[in-house]
Amino acid sequence: MAVLSAAFFAGVLGFAGRARRRPVRTGAEQMIGSTGEVESWTENAGRVHVNGEMWEARSSQSLSKGQKVRVVSRTGLTLTVEAST
């Protein structure tokens, strides 16, 4: 019974260790580095389409509709983006 319990806990610890090493797939961290497309833009702010969702966005660059962008950071519900090459 002790050997069986030890094997069970070793398996659980193995799964936990592998899960910790996996890349983030949800939350704010997942958005960083994602690419999208500008839907509308005026001066330094607009709306972008990223991961199937519309987001408010800001950029230090002037962007145009249809231009590809990359997410640099996220503050609340606003993304900071830059032009993607």
Protein backbone atom coordinates (compact mmCIF):
# COMPACT_ATOMS: atom_id res chain seq x y z
CA MET A 1 0.00 0.00 0.00
CA ALA A 2 2.89 2.37 0.79
CA VAL A 3 4.50 1.73 -2.61
CA LEU A 4 1.19 2.39 -4.36
CA SER A 5 0.71 5.68 -2.47
CA ALA A 6 4.29 6.76 -3.23
CA ALA A 7 3.80 6.04 -6.94
CA PHE A 8 0.55 8.03 -6.98
CA PHE A 9 2.15 11.09 -5.35
CA ALA A 10 5.19 10.85 -7.62
CA GLY A 11 2.85 10.91 -10.63
CA VAL A 12 0.94 13.92 -9.30
CA LEU A 13 4.19 15.82 -8.64
CA GLY A 14 5.38 14.96 -12.16
CA PHE A 15 2.20 16.41 -13.70
CA ALA A 16 2.49 19.53 -11.54
CA GLY A 17 6.11 20.05 -12.59
CA ARG A 18 5.28 19.79 -16.30
CA ALA A 19 2.33 22.18 -15.95
CA ARG A 20 4.59 24.80 -14.35
CA ARG A 21 7.02 24.73 -17.29
CA ARG A 22 4.33 25.22 -19.96
CA PRO A 23 3.95 28.67 -21.56
CA VAL A 24 1.14 30.93 -20.37
CA ARG A 25 -2.03 30.46 -22.44
CA THR A 26 -4.51 32.71 -20.66
CA GLY A 27 -4.63 36.11 -19.02
CA ALA A 28 -2.86 39.35 -19.78
CA GLU A 29 0.51 37.67 -20.35
CA GLN A 30 -0.92 35.67 -23.24
CA MET A 31 -1.72 38.87 -25.17
CA ILE A 32 1.87 40.16 -25.19
CA GLY A 33 3.45 39.40 -28.57
CA SER A 34 0.12 38.60 -30.27
CA THR A 35 -0.48 40.07 -33.69
CA GLY A 36 -3.58 41.78 -34.96
CA GLU A 37 -4.97 44.23 -37.48
CA VAL A 38 -6.03 47.86 -37.16
CA GLU A 39 -9.78 48.35 -37.65
CA SER A 40 -9.89 52.12 -37.09
CA TRP A 41 -7.26 54.65 -36.03
CA THR A 42 -7.13 58.37 -35.22
CA GLU A 43 -3.86 60.04 -34.17
CA ASN A 44 -2.37 57.75 -31.47
CA ALA A 45 -5.42 55.65 -30.53
CA GLY A 46 -7.93 53.36 -32.17
CA ARG A 47 -9.40 49.87 -32.29
CA VAL A 48 -7.57 46.69 -33.23
CA HIS A 49 -8.69 43.12 -33.88
CA VAL A 50 -6.52 40.67 -31.89
CA ASN A 51 -7.24 36.98 -31.20
CA GLY A 52 -10.80 37.27 -32.52
CA GLU A 53 -11.65 40.24 -30.27
CA MET A 54 -11.88 44.01 -30.72
CA TRP A 55 -9.64 46.01 -28.36
CA GLU A 56 -9.01 49.69 -27.67
CA ALA A 57 -5.37 50.41 -28.46
CA ARG A 58 -2.73 53.11 -28.24
CA SER A 59 0.57 53.54 -30.03
CA SER A 60 3.35 56.10 -30.29
CA GLN A 61 3.26 55.52 -34.06
CA SER A 62 0.65 56.64 -36.55
CA LEU A 63 -1.14 53.57 -37.89
CA SER A 64 -3.66 53.04 -40.68
CA LYS A 65 -6.65 50.75 -41.20
CA GLY A 66 -5.65 47.23 -42.23
CA GLN A 67 -2.10 47.56 -40.95
CA LYS A 68 -0.67 44.60 -39.00
CA VAL A 69 0.31 45.32 -35.39
CA ARG A 70 1.97 43.49 -32.49
CA VAL A 71 0.87 43.84 -28.86
CA VAL A 72 3.61 45.29 -26.64
CA SER A 73 1.69 45.60 -23.35
CA ARG A 74 -1.76 45.78 -21.81
CA THR A 75 -3.12 48.23 -19.24
CA GLY A 76 -6.65 47.38 -18.14
CA LEU A 77 -8.69 47.00 -21.32
CA THR A 78 -6.31 49.02 -23.51
CA LEU A 79 -3.49 47.48 -25.53
CA THR A 80 -0.27 49.20 -26.45
CA VAL A 81 0.71 48.17 -29.97
CA GLU A 82 3.42 48.79 -32.52
CA ALA A 83 3.57 48.25 -36.26
CA SER A 84 4.43 44.68 -37.20
CA THR A 85 6.82 43.89 -40.02
